[in-house]
Amino acid sequence: MIQLTRLNRVPLILNSDLIEHIEVTPDTVITLASGQKYMVQESADEVVSRIVNFRRSIYNPNLDRLVHKDGMRSDG
């Protein structure tokens, strides 16, 4: 789940697994697999970043600890 902000400044918690696509028209419009559409204040890049960070926290919460600044992986 990711937190976004509707255009009227009301917070929206969205299940990112249900996102079908994101459009910029110039507002950011998120369409779910059900066809439901949400217009949000965040840019498409910000929405994608929040999805990536959420999934990283679920699937590999220790990633930041395992990867050095130079991109090399630590074995311990």
PDB file of N, CA and C in Angstrom:
ATOM      1  N   MET A   1       0.846  -1.173   0.000  1.00  0.00           N
ATOM      2  CA  MET A   1       0.000   0.000   0.000  1.00  0.00           C
ATOM      3  C   MET A   1       0.895   1.240   0.000  1.00  0.00           C
ATOM      4  N   ILE A   2       0.478   2.224  -0.754  1.00  0.00           N
ATOM      5  CA  ILE A   2       1.218   3.486  -0.803  1.00  0.00           C
ATOM      6  C   ILE A   2       0.271   4.629  -0.470  1.00  0.00           C
ATOM      7  N   GLN A   3       0.821   5.662   0.148  1.00  0.00           N
ATOM      8  CA  GLN A   3       0.011   6.833   0.470  1.00  0.00           C
ATOM      9  C   GLN A   3       0.246   7.906  -0.579  1.00  0.00           C
ATOM     10  N   LEU A   4      -0.866   8.414  -1.120  1.00  0.00           N
ATOM     11  CA  LEU A   4      -0.839   9.486  -2.104  1.00  0.00           C
ATOM     12  C   LEU A   4      -1.785  10.581  -1.640  1.00  0.00           C
ATOM     13  N   THR A   5      -1.889  11.644  -2.425  1.00  0.00           N
ATOM     14  CA  THR A   5      -2.753  12.768  -2.070  1.00  0.00           C
ATOM     15  C   THR A   5      -3.658  13.088  -3.257  1.00  0.00           C
ATOM     16  N   ARG A   6      -4.963  13.056  -3.023  1.00  0.00           N
ATOM     17  CA  ARG A   6      -5.902  13.441  -4.081  1.00  0.00           C
ATOM     18  C   ARG A   6      -5.736  14.928  -4.376  1.00  0.00           C
ATOM     19  N   LEU A   7      -6.301  15.388  -5.478  1.00  0.00           N
ATOM     20  CA  LEU A   7      -6.171  16.795  -5.859  1.00  0.00           C
ATOM     21  C   LEU A   7      -6.789  17.734  -4.828  1.00  0.00           C
ATOM     22  N   ASN A   8      -7.793  17.247  -4.079  1.00  0.00           N
ATOM     23  CA  ASN A   8      -8.427  18.077  -3.049  1.00  0.00           C
ATOM     24  C   ASN A   8      -7.708  17.966  -1.700  1.00  0.00           C
ATOM     25  N   ARG A   9      -6.485  17.443  -1.732  1.00  0.00           N
ATOM     26  CA  ARG A   9      -5.587  17.316  -0.569  1.00  0.00           C
ATOM     27  C   ARG A   9      -6.015  16.253   0.438  1.00  0.00           C
ATOM     28  N   VAL A  10      -6.925  15.389   0.082  1.00  0.00           N
ATOM     29  CA  VAL A  10      -7.345  14.291   0.955  1.00  0.00           C
ATOM     30  C   VAL A  10      -6.381  13.118   0.738  1.00  0.00           C
ATOM     31  N   PRO A  11      -5.824  12.562   1.821  1.00  0.00           N
ATOM     32  CA  PRO A  11      -4.915  11.419   1.676  1.00  0.00           C
ATOM     33  C   PRO A  11      -5.640  10.207   1.084  1.00  0.00           C
ATOM     34  N   LEU A  12      -4.891   9.426   0.324  1.00  0.00           N
ATOM     35  CA  LEU A  12      -5.415   8.223  -0.310  1.00  0.00           C
ATOM     36  C   LEU A  12      -4.401   7.114  -0.095  1.00  0.00           C
ATOM     37  N   ILE A  13      -4.845   6.004   0.483  1.00  0.00           N
ATOM     38  CA  ILE A  13      -3.994   4.825   0.629  1.00  0.00           C
ATOM     39  C   ILE A  13      -4.418   3.860  -0.470  1.00  0.00           C
ATOM     40  N   LEU A  14      -3.477   3.500  -1.333  1.00  0.00           N
ATOM     41  CA  LEU A  14      -3.805   2.743  -2.532  1.00  0.00           C
ATOM     42  C   LEU A  14      -3.034   1.429  -2.567  1.00  0.00           C
ATOM     43  N   ASN A  15      -3.723   0.358  -2.947  1.00  0.00           N
ATOM     44  CA  ASN A  15      -3.076  -0.933  -3.135  1.00  0.00           C
ATOM     45  C   ASN A  15      -2.345  -0.890  -4.474  1.00  0.00           C
ATOM     46  N   SER A  16      -1.038  -0.784  -4.435  1.00  0.00           N
ATOM     47  CA  SER A  16      -0.255  -0.603  -5.660  1.00  0.00           C
ATOM     48  C   SER A  16      -0.264  -1.838  -6.557  1.00  0.00           C
ATOM     49  N   ASP A  17      -0.633  -2.991  -6.026  1.00  0.00           N
ATOM     50  CA  ASP A  17      -0.719  -4.198  -6.851  1.00  0.00           C
ATOM     51  C   ASP A  17      -1.873  -4.124  -7.844  1.00  0.00           C
ATOM     52  N   LEU A  18      -2.827  -3.237  -7.606  1.00  0.00           N
ATOM     53  CA  LEU A  18      -3.998  -3.130  -8.472  1.00  0.00           C
ATOM     54  C   LEU A  18      -3.849  -2.077  -9.567  1.00  0.00           C
ATOM     55  N   ILE A  19      -2.709  -1.374  -9.597  1.00  0.00           N
ATOM     56  CA  ILE A  19      -2.513  -0.325 -10.603  1.00  0.00           C
ATOM     57  C   ILE A  19      -2.281  -0.957 -11.971  1.00  0.00           C
ATOM     58  N   GLU A  20      -3.092  -0.528 -12.931  1.00  0.00           N
ATOM     59  CA  GLU A  20      -2.924  -0.987 -14.311  1.00  0.00           C
ATOM     60  C   GLU A  20      -1.991  -0.054 -15.073  1.00  0.00           C
ATOM     61  N   HIS A  21      -2.233   1.253 -14.955  1.00  0.00           N
ATOM     62  CA  HIS A  21      -1.329   2.207 -15.588  1.00  0.00           C
ATOM     63  C   HIS A  21      -1.464   3.586 -14.948  1.00  0.00           C
ATOM     64  N   ILE A  22      -0.456   4.424 -15.234  1.00  0.00           N
ATOM     65  CA  ILE A  22      -0.392   5.789 -14.714  1.00  0.00           C
ATOM     66  C   ILE A  22      -0.258   6.721 -15.911  1.00  0.00           C
ATOM     67  N   GLU A  23      -1.106   7.752 -15.955  1.00  0.00           N
ATOM     68  CA  GLU A  23      -1.069   8.724 -17.048  1.00  0.00           C
ATOM     69  C   GLU A  23      -0.740  10.106 -16.495  1.00  0.00           C
ATOM     70  N   VAL A  24      -0.129  10.930 -17.330  1.00  0.00           N
ATOM     71  CA  VAL A  24       0.109  12.334 -16.992  1.00  0.00           C
ATOM     72  C   VAL A  24      -0.658  13.152 -18.026  1.00  0.00           C
ATOM     73  N   THR A  25      -1.692  13.890 -17.561  1.00  0.00           N
ATOM     74  CA  THR A  25      -2.625  14.512 -18.522  1.00  0.00           C
ATOM     75  C   THR A  25      -3.023  15.956 -18.271  1.00  0.00           C
ATOM     76  N   PRO A  26      -2.406  16.915 -17.773  1.00  0.00           N
ATOM     77  CA  PRO A  26      -1.126  17.015 -17.075  1.00  0.00           C
ATOM     78  C   PRO A  26      -1.190  16.534 -15.634  1.00  0.00           C
ATOM     79  N   ASP A  27      -2.406  16.311 -15.083  1.00  0.00           N
ATOM     80  CA  ASP A  27      -2.485  15.730 -13.737  1.00  0.00           C
ATOM     81  C   ASP A  27      -2.117  14.254 -13.817  1.00  0.00           C
ATOM     82  N   THR A  28      -1.715  13.692 -12.691  1.00  0.00           N
ATOM     83  CA  THR A  28      -1.400  12.272 -12.646  1.00  0.00           C
ATOM     84  C   THR A  28      -2.692  11.503 -12.409  1.00  0.00           C
ATOM     85  N   VAL A  29      -3.008  10.609 -13.341  1.00  0.00           N
ATOM     86  CA  VAL A  29      -4.223   9.798 -13.255  1.00  0.00           C
ATOM     87  C   VAL A  29      -3.799   8.344 -13.144  1.00  0.00           C
ATOM     88  N   ILE A  30      -4.232   7.694 -12.055  1.00  0.00           N
ATOM     89  CA  ILE A  30      -3.919   6.288 -11.822  1.00  0.00           C
ATOM     90  C   ILE A  30      -5.170   5.482 -12.133  1.00  0.00           C
ATOM     91  N   THR A  31      -5.023   4.477 -12.993  1.00  0.00           N
ATOM     92  CA  THR A  31      -6.139   3.604 -13.328  1.00  0.00           C
ATOM     93  C   THR A  31      -5.863   2.227 -12.743  1.00  0.00           C
ATOM     94  N   LEU A  32      -6.827   1.717 -11.992  1.00  0.00           N
ATOM     95  CA  LEU A  32      -6.709   0.389 -11.405  1.00  0.00           C
ATOM     96  C   LEU A  32      -7.219  -0.661 -12.387  1.00  0.00           C
ATOM     97  N   ALA A  33      -6.936  -1.916 -12.113  1.00  0.00           N
ATOM     98  CA  ALA A  33      -7.384  -3.014 -12.965  1.00  0.00           C
ATOM     99  C   ALA A  33      -8.906  -3.057 -13.066  1.00  0.00           C
ATOM    100  N   SER A  34      -9.594  -2.551 -12.062  1.00  0.00           N
ATOM    101  CA  SER A  34     -11.061  -2.525 -12.057  1.00  0.00           C
ATOM    102  C   SER A  34     -11.627  -1.429 -12.955  1.00  0.00           C
ATOM    103  N   GLY A  35     -10.771  -0.511 -13.410  1.00  0.00           N
ATOM    104  CA  GLY A  35     -11.214   0.626 -14.203  1.00  0.00           C
ATOM    105  C   GLY A  35     -11.380   1.895 -13.384  1.00  0.00           C
ATOM    106  N   GLN A  36     -11.361   1.783 -12.058  1.00  0.00           N
ATOM    107  CA  GLN A  36     -11.458   2.947 -11.172  1.00  0.00           C
ATOM    108  C   GLN A  36     -10.266   3.866 -11.410  1.00  0.00           C
ATOM    109  N   LYS A  37     -10.518   5.159 -11.491  1.00  0.00           N
ATOM    110  CA  LYS A  37      -9.457   6.139 -11.736  1.00  0.00           C
ATOM    111  C   LYS A  37      -9.318   7.071 -10.538  1.00  0.00           C
ATOM    112  N   TYR A  38      -8.080   7.438 -10.239  1.00  0.00           N
ATOM    113  CA  TYR A  38      -7.777   8.383  -9.173  1.00  0.00           C
ATOM    114  C   TYR A  38      -6.832   9.443  -9.722  1.00  0.00           C
ATOM    115  N   MET A  39      -7.154  10.704  -9.467  1.00  0.00           N
ATOM    116  CA  MET A  39      -6.257  11.808  -9.812  1.00  0.00           C
ATOM    117  C   MET A  39      -5.524  12.200  -8.536  1.00  0.00           C
ATOM    118  N   VAL A  40      -4.195  12.280  -8.624  1.00  0.00           N
ATOM    119  CA  VAL A  40      -3.387  12.570  -7.443  1.00  0.00           C
ATOM    120  C   VAL A  40      -2.435  13.725  -7.707  1.00  0.00           C
ATOM    121  N   GLN A  41      -1.965  14.336  -6.615  1.00  0.00           N
ATOM    122  CA  GLN A  41      -1.037  15.468  -6.707  1.00  0.00           C
ATOM    123  C   GLN A  41       0.372  15.031  -7.091  1.00  0.00           C
ATOM    124  N   GLU A  42       0.770  13.839  -6.685  1.00  0.00           N
ATOM    125  CA  GLU A  42       2.133  13.373  -6.924  1.00  0.00           C
ATOM    126  C   GLU A  42       2.375  13.147  -8.420  1.00  0.00           C
ATOM    127  N   SER A  43       3.615  13.350  -8.833  1.00  0.00           N
ATOM    128  CA  SER A  43       3.990  13.090 -10.228  1.00  0.00           C
ATOM    129  C   SER A  43       4.019  11.579 -10.468  1.00  0.00           C
ATOM    130  N   ALA A  44       4.001  11.191 -11.735  1.00  0.00           N
ATOM    131  CA  ALA A  44       4.089   9.770 -12.079  1.00  0.00           C
ATOM    132  C   ALA A  44       5.397   9.182 -11.549  1.00  0.00           C
ATOM    133  N   ASP A  45       6.493   9.935 -11.658  1.00  0.00           N
ATOM    134  CA  ASP A  45       7.783   9.458 -11.144  1.00  0.00           C
ATOM    135  C   ASP A  45       7.736   9.232  -9.638  1.00  0.00           C
ATOM    136  N   GLU A  46       7.062  10.124  -8.912  1.00  0.00           N
ATOM    137  CA  GLU A  46       6.943   9.977  -7.458  1.00  0.00           C
ATOM    138  C   GLU A  46       6.096   8.756  -7.109  1.00  0.00           C
ATOM    139  N   VAL A  47       5.029   8.517  -7.845  1.00  0.00           N
ATOM    140  CA  VAL A  47       4.181   7.339  -7.601  1.00  0.00           C
ATOM    141  C   VAL A  47       5.001   6.069  -7.811  1.00  0.00           C
ATOM    142  N   VAL A  48       5.738   6.009  -8.906  1.00  0.00           N
ATOM    143  CA  VAL A  48       6.570   4.839  -9.187  1.00  0.00           C
ATOM    144  C   VAL A  48       7.620   4.662  -8.097  1.00  0.00           C
ATOM    145  N   SER A  49       8.235   5.741  -7.658  1.00  0.00           N
ATOM    146  CA  SER A  49       9.228   5.673  -6.588  1.00  0.00           C
ATOM    147  C   SER A  49       8.625   5.116  -5.302  1.00  0.00           C
ATOM    148  N   ARG A  50       7.425   5.540  -4.974  1.00  0.00           N
ATOM    149  CA  ARG A  50       6.766   5.034  -3.764  1.00  0.00           C
ATOM    150  C   ARG A  50       6.427   3.554  -3.896  1.00  0.00           C
ATOM    151  N   ILE A  51       6.042   3.127  -5.087  1.00  0.00           N
ATOM    152  CA  ILE A  51       5.759   1.706  -5.312  1.00  0.00           C
ATOM    153  C   ILE A  51       7.034   0.892  -5.142  1.00  0.00           C
ATOM    154  N   VAL A  52       8.125   1.348  -5.744  1.00  0.00           N
ATOM    155  CA  VAL A  52       9.405   0.645  -5.644  1.00  0.00           C
ATOM    156  C   VAL A  52       9.847   0.563  -4.188  1.00  0.00           C
ATOM    157  N   ASN A  53       9.773   1.661  -3.458  1.00  0.00           N
ATOM    158  CA  ASN A  53      10.177   1.664  -2.048  1.00  0.00           C
ATOM    159  C   ASN A  53       9.301   0.748  -1.213  1.00  0.00           C
ATOM    160  N   PHE A  54       7.999   0.735  -1.482  1.00  0.00           N
ATOM    161  CA  PHE A  54       7.098  -0.150  -0.746  1.00  0.00           C
ATOM    162  C   PHE A  54       7.456  -1.609  -1.016  1.00  0.00           C
ATOM    163  N   ARG A  55       7.623  -1.954  -2.271  1.00  0.00           N
ATOM    164  CA  ARG A  55       7.936  -3.351  -2.611  1.00  0.00           C
ATOM    165  C   ARG A  55       9.303  -3.757  -2.079  1.00  0.00           C
ATOM    166  N   ARG A  56      10.248  -2.845  -2.107  1.00  0.00           N
ATOM    167  CA  ARG A  56      11.567  -3.134  -1.541  1.00  0.00           C
ATOM    168  C   ARG A  56      11.440  -3.435  -0.043  1.00  0.00           C
ATOM    169  N   SER A  57      10.607  -2.680   0.654  1.00  0.00           N
ATOM    170  CA  SER A  57      10.445  -2.896   2.098  1.00  0.00           C
ATOM    171  C   SER A  57       9.777  -4.232   2.398  1.00  0.00           C
ATOM    172  N   ILE A  58       8.959  -4.720   1.472  1.00  0.00           N
ATOM    173  CA  ILE A  58       8.273  -5.999   1.665  1.00  0.00           C
ATOM    174  C   ILE A  58       9.171  -7.172   1.283  1.00  0.00           C
ATOM    175  N   TYR A  59       9.783  -7.102   0.105  1.00  0.00           N
ATOM    176  CA  TYR A  59      10.505  -8.244  -0.443  1.00  0.00           C
ATOM    177  C   TYR A  59      11.968  -8.310  -0.052  1.00  0.00           C
ATOM    178  N   ASN A  60      12.587  -7.180   0.272  1.00  0.00           N
ATOM    179  CA  ASN A  60      13.995  -7.189   0.647  1.00  0.00           C
ATOM    180  C   ASN A  60      14.292  -6.038   1.595  1.00  0.00           C
ATOM    181  N   PRO A  61      13.795  -6.121   2.838  1.00  0.00           N
ATOM    182  CA  PRO A  61      13.959  -5.004   3.775  1.00  0.00           C
ATOM    183  C   PRO A  61      15.409  -4.727   4.159  1.00  0.00           C
ATOM    184  N   ASN A  62      16.308  -5.678   3.956  1.00  0.00           N
ATOM    185  CA  ASN A  62      17.710  -5.489   4.329  1.00  0.00           C
ATOM    186  C   ASN A  62      18.567  -4.999   3.178  1.00  0.00           C
ATOM    187  N   LEU A  63      17.960  -4.651   2.040  1.00  0.00           N
ATOM    188  CA  LEU A  63      18.723  -4.261   0.856  1.00  0.00           C
ATOM    189  C   LEU A  63      19.655  -3.086   1.127  1.00  0.00           C
ATOM    190  N   ASP A  64      19.170  -2.058   1.807  1.00  0.00           N
ATOM    191  CA  ASP A  64      20.007  -0.887   2.069  1.00  0.00           C
ATOM    192  C   ASP A  64      21.223  -1.245   2.911  1.00  0.00           C
ATOM    193  N   ARG A  65      21.080  -2.211   3.780  1.00  0.00           N
ATOM    194  CA  ARG A  65      22.184  -2.624   4.639  1.00  0.00           C
ATOM    195  C   ARG A  65      23.191  -3.479   3.868  1.00  0.00           C
ATOM    196  N   LEU A  66      22.727  -4.181   2.831  1.00  0.00           N
ATOM    197  CA  LEU A  66      23.586  -5.101   2.098  1.00  0.00           C
ATOM    198  C   LEU A  66      24.368  -4.448   0.966  1.00  0.00           C
ATOM    199  N   VAL A  67      23.917  -3.312   0.489  1.00  0.00           N
ATOM    200  CA  VAL A  67      24.554  -2.673  -0.663  1.00  0.00           C
ATOM    201  C   VAL A  67      25.339  -1.447  -0.196  1.00  0.00           C
ATOM    202  N   HIS A  68      26.622  -1.403  -0.554  1.00  0.00           N
ATOM    203  CA  HIS A  68      27.475  -0.263  -0.217  1.00  0.00           C
ATOM    204  C   HIS A  68      27.172   0.903  -1.143  1.00  0.00           C
ATOM    205  N   LYS A  69      27.680   2.069  -0.812  1.00  0.00           N
ATOM    206  CA  LYS A  69      27.476   3.261  -1.636  1.00  0.00           C
ATOM    207  C   LYS A  69      27.998   3.081  -3.055  1.00  0.00           C
ATOM    208  N   ASP A  70      29.059   2.291  -3.225  1.00  0.00           N
ATOM    209  CA  ASP A  70      29.631   2.094  -4.561  1.00  0.00           C
ATOM    210  C   ASP A  70      28.881   1.038  -5.367  1.00  0.00           C
ATOM    211  N   GLY A  71      27.811   0.485  -4.783  1.00  0.00           N
ATOM    212  CA  GLY A  71      27.006  -0.494  -5.501  1.00  0.00           C
ATOM    213  C   GLY A  71      27.453  -1.926  -5.282  1.00  0.00           C
ATOM    214  N   MET A  72      28.553  -2.121  -4.552  1.00  0.00           N
ATOM    215  CA  MET A  72      29.049  -3.468  -4.304  1.00  0.00           C
ATOM    216  C   MET A  72      28.255  -4.121  -3.187  1.00  0.00           C
ATOM    217  N   ARG A  73      27.980  -5.369  -3.351  1.00  0.00           N
ATOM    218  CA  ARG A  73      27.199  -6.112  -2.374  1.00  0.00           C
ATOM    219  C   ARG A  73      28.110  -6.625  -1.261  1.00  0.00           C
ATOM    220  N   SER A  74      27.610  -6.576  -0.037  1.00  0.00           N
ATOM    221  CA  SER A  74      28.342  -7.072   1.124  1.00  0.00           C
ATOM    222  C   SER A  74      27.873  -8.487   1.434  1.00  0.00           C
ATOM    223  N   ASP A  75      28.798  -9.368   1.806  1.00  0.00           N
ATOM    224  CA  ASP A  75      28.421 -10.742   2.143  1.00  0.00           C
ATOM    225  C   ASP A  75      28.126 -10.914   3.618  1.00  0.00           C
ATOM    226  N   GLY A  76      28.229  -9.899   4.405  1.00  0.00           N
ATOM    227  CA  GLY A  76      27.990 -10.106   5.824  1.00  0.00           C
ATOM    228  C   GLY A  76      27.644  -8.893   6.476  1.00  0.00           C
TER     229      GLY A  76
END
